[in-house]
Amino acid sequence: MLLRLAYLGVTNVFALLRLLPMSDHGKDAEILALRHQIGVALAEYRLHAGQAAC
């Protein structure tokens, strides 16, 4: 699970680097998508971390 979270973090960093040559509207859409991906990953991590603690 921790490896998956690290993978998502690294892929998101590369995705952010891809934003440099984009327009403002493209950047806004990409940032919203990345925030959603991070939120989903954190929710899954918390769900599985809570199950492991029980």
N, C-alpha and C. Protein backbone atom coordinates (compact mmCIF):
# COMPACT_ATOMS: atom_id res chain seq x y z
N MET A 1 0.82 -1.20 0.00
CA MET A 1 0.00 0.00 0.00
C MET A 1 0.87 1.26 0.00
N LEU A 2 1.92 1.23 0.79
CA LEU A 2 2.81 2.40 0.84
C LEU A 2 3.52 2.59 -0.49
N LEU A 3 3.84 1.49 -1.15
CA LEU A 3 4.48 1.56 -2.46
C LEU A 3 3.53 2.20 -3.47
N ARG A 4 2.26 1.87 -3.39
CA ARG A 4 1.26 2.45 -4.31
C ARG A 4 1.15 3.96 -4.08
N LEU A 5 1.15 4.36 -2.82
CA LEU A 5 1.05 5.79 -2.51
C LEU A 5 2.29 6.53 -3.01
N ALA A 6 3.46 5.91 -2.87
CA ALA A 6 4.69 6.53 -3.38
C ALA A 6 4.64 6.63 -4.91
N TYR A 7 4.14 5.58 -5.56
CA TYR A 7 4.02 5.60 -7.02
C TYR A 7 3.09 6.72 -7.48
N LEU A 8 1.96 6.88 -6.81
CA LEU A 8 1.03 7.95 -7.16
C LEU A 8 1.67 9.32 -6.95
N GLY A 9 2.44 9.45 -5.89
CA GLY A 9 3.12 10.72 -5.65
C GLY A 9 4.12 11.05 -6.74
N VAL A 10 4.89 10.07 -7.16
CA VAL A 10 5.89 10.30 -8.21
C VAL A 10 5.21 10.61 -9.54
N THR A 11 4.17 9.87 -9.88
CA THR A 11 3.48 10.14 -11.15
C THR A 11 2.83 11.51 -11.13
N ASN A 12 2.35 11.95 -9.98
CA ASN A 12 1.74 13.28 -9.89
C ASN A 12 2.79 14.37 -10.03
N VAL A 13 3.99 14.13 -9.53
CA VAL A 13 5.07 15.12 -9.71
C VAL A 13 5.39 15.27 -11.19
N PHE A 14 5.49 14.15 -11.90
CA PHE A 14 5.75 14.23 -13.34
C PHE A 14 4.59 14.89 -14.08
N ALA A 15 3.39 14.65 -13.63
CA ALA A 15 2.24 15.29 -14.26
C ALA A 15 2.27 16.80 -14.02
N LEU A 16 2.70 17.22 -12.83
CA LEU A 16 2.82 18.65 -12.56
C LEU A 16 3.89 19.29 -13.43
N LEU A 17 4.99 18.58 -13.66
CA LEU A 17 6.03 19.11 -14.54
C LEU A 17 5.52 19.28 -15.97
N ARG A 18 4.58 18.44 -16.34
CA ARG A 18 3.99 18.53 -17.68
C ARG A 18 3.15 19.80 -17.83
N LEU A 19 2.75 20.39 -16.71
CA LEU A 19 1.90 21.59 -16.75
C LEU A 19 2.64 22.85 -17.21
N LEU A 20 3.95 22.83 -17.14
CA LEU A 20 4.72 24.05 -17.43
C LEU A 20 4.38 24.69 -18.77
N PRO A 21 4.31 23.94 -19.90
CA PRO A 21 4.02 24.59 -21.18
C PRO A 21 2.52 24.74 -21.48
N MET A 22 1.62 24.42 -20.57
CA MET A 22 0.18 24.45 -20.84
C MET A 22 -0.41 25.84 -20.61
N SER A 23 -1.60 26.05 -21.18
CA SER A 23 -2.34 27.29 -20.96
C SER A 23 -2.95 27.28 -19.55
N ASP A 24 -3.48 28.41 -19.13
CA ASP A 24 -4.08 28.51 -17.80
C ASP A 24 -5.29 27.59 -17.64
N HIS A 25 -6.14 27.51 -18.65
CA HIS A 25 -7.33 26.66 -18.56
C HIS A 25 -6.93 25.19 -18.51
N GLY A 26 -5.94 24.82 -19.29
CA GLY A 26 -5.45 23.45 -19.27
C GLY A 26 -4.83 23.10 -17.93
N LYS A 27 -4.09 24.05 -17.36
CA LYS A 27 -3.48 23.84 -16.05
C LYS A 27 -4.53 23.66 -14.97
N ASP A 28 -5.56 24.50 -15.01
CA ASP A 28 -6.62 24.40 -14.01
C ASP A 28 -7.31 23.04 -14.06
N ALA A 29 -7.60 22.56 -15.25
CA ALA A 29 -8.26 21.26 -15.40
C ALA A 29 -7.35 20.15 -14.92
N GLU A 30 -6.08 20.21 -15.25
CA GLU A 30 -5.13 19.18 -14.84
C GLU A 30 -4.94 19.18 -13.33
N ILE A 31 -4.86 20.37 -12.74
CA ILE A 31 -4.70 20.46 -11.28
C ILE A 31 -5.92 19.89 -10.57
N LEU A 32 -7.10 20.17 -11.07
CA LEU A 32 -8.31 19.60 -10.46
C LEU A 32 -8.30 18.08 -10.54
N ALA A 33 -7.88 17.53 -11.67
CA ALA A 33 -7.80 16.07 -11.82
C ALA A 33 -6.78 15.48 -10.86
N LEU A 34 -5.63 16.15 -10.72
CA LEU A 34 -4.60 15.65 -9.80
C LEU A 34 -5.07 15.72 -8.34
N ARG A 35 -5.74 16.78 -7.98
CA ARG A 35 -6.26 16.88 -6.62
C ARG A 35 -7.26 15.76 -6.34
N HIS A 36 -8.07 15.44 -7.32
CA HIS A 36 -9.04 14.36 -7.16
C HIS A 36 -8.31 13.03 -6.97
N GLN A 37 -7.29 12.78 -7.78
CA GLN A 37 -6.52 11.53 -7.66
C GLN A 37 -5.86 11.42 -6.29
N ILE A 38 -5.31 12.50 -5.80
CA ILE A 38 -4.67 12.50 -4.49
C ILE A 38 -5.71 12.24 -3.40
N GLY A 39 -6.87 12.87 -3.52
CA GLY A 39 -7.94 12.65 -2.53
C GLY A 39 -8.41 11.22 -2.50
N VAL A 40 -8.56 10.61 -3.66
CA VAL A 40 -8.97 9.21 -3.73
C VAL A 40 -7.91 8.31 -3.13
N ALA A 41 -6.64 8.57 -3.46
CA ALA A 41 -5.55 7.76 -2.92
C ALA A 41 -5.48 7.87 -1.40
N LEU A 42 -5.63 9.07 -0.87
CA LEU A 42 -5.60 9.24 0.59
C LEU A 42 -6.79 8.56 1.26
N ALA A 43 -7.95 8.64 0.65
CA ALA A 43 -9.12 7.98 1.21
C ALA A 43 -8.93 6.46 1.25
N GLU A 44 -8.39 5.90 0.17
CA GLU A 44 -8.12 4.46 0.14
C GLU A 44 -7.08 4.08 1.19
N TYR A 45 -6.05 4.90 1.32
CA TYR A 45 -5.00 4.63 2.30
C TYR A 45 -5.58 4.65 3.72
N ARG A 46 -6.38 5.65 4.01
CA ARG A 46 -6.99 5.74 5.35
C ARG A 46 -7.94 4.59 5.61
N LEU A 47 -8.67 4.17 4.59
CA LEU A 47 -9.59 3.05 4.74
C LEU A 47 -8.82 1.78 5.06
N HIS A 48 -7.76 1.53 4.32
CA HIS A 48 -6.97 0.31 4.54
C HIS A 48 -6.16 0.41 5.83
N ALA A 49 -5.70 1.57 6.19
CA ALA A 49 -4.95 1.74 7.44
C ALA A 49 -5.88 1.51 8.63
N GLY A 50 -7.12 1.94 8.52
CA GLY A 50 -8.09 1.72 9.58
C GLY A 50 -8.46 0.26 9.73
N GLN A 51 -8.52 -0.46 8.64
CA GLN A 51 -8.84 -1.88 8.69
C GLN A 51 -7.68 -2.68 9.28
N ALA A 52 -6.45 -2.25 9.00
CA ALA A 52 -5.29 -2.96 9.51
C ALA A 52 -5.15 -2.77 11.02
N ALA A 53 -5.62 -1.63 11.53
CA ALA A 53 -5.50 -1.33 12.96
C ALA A 53 -6.50 -2.13 13.80
N CYS A 54 -7.58 -2.57 13.19
CA CYS A 54 -8.61 -3.30 13.95
C CYS A 54 -8.22 -4.71 14.29
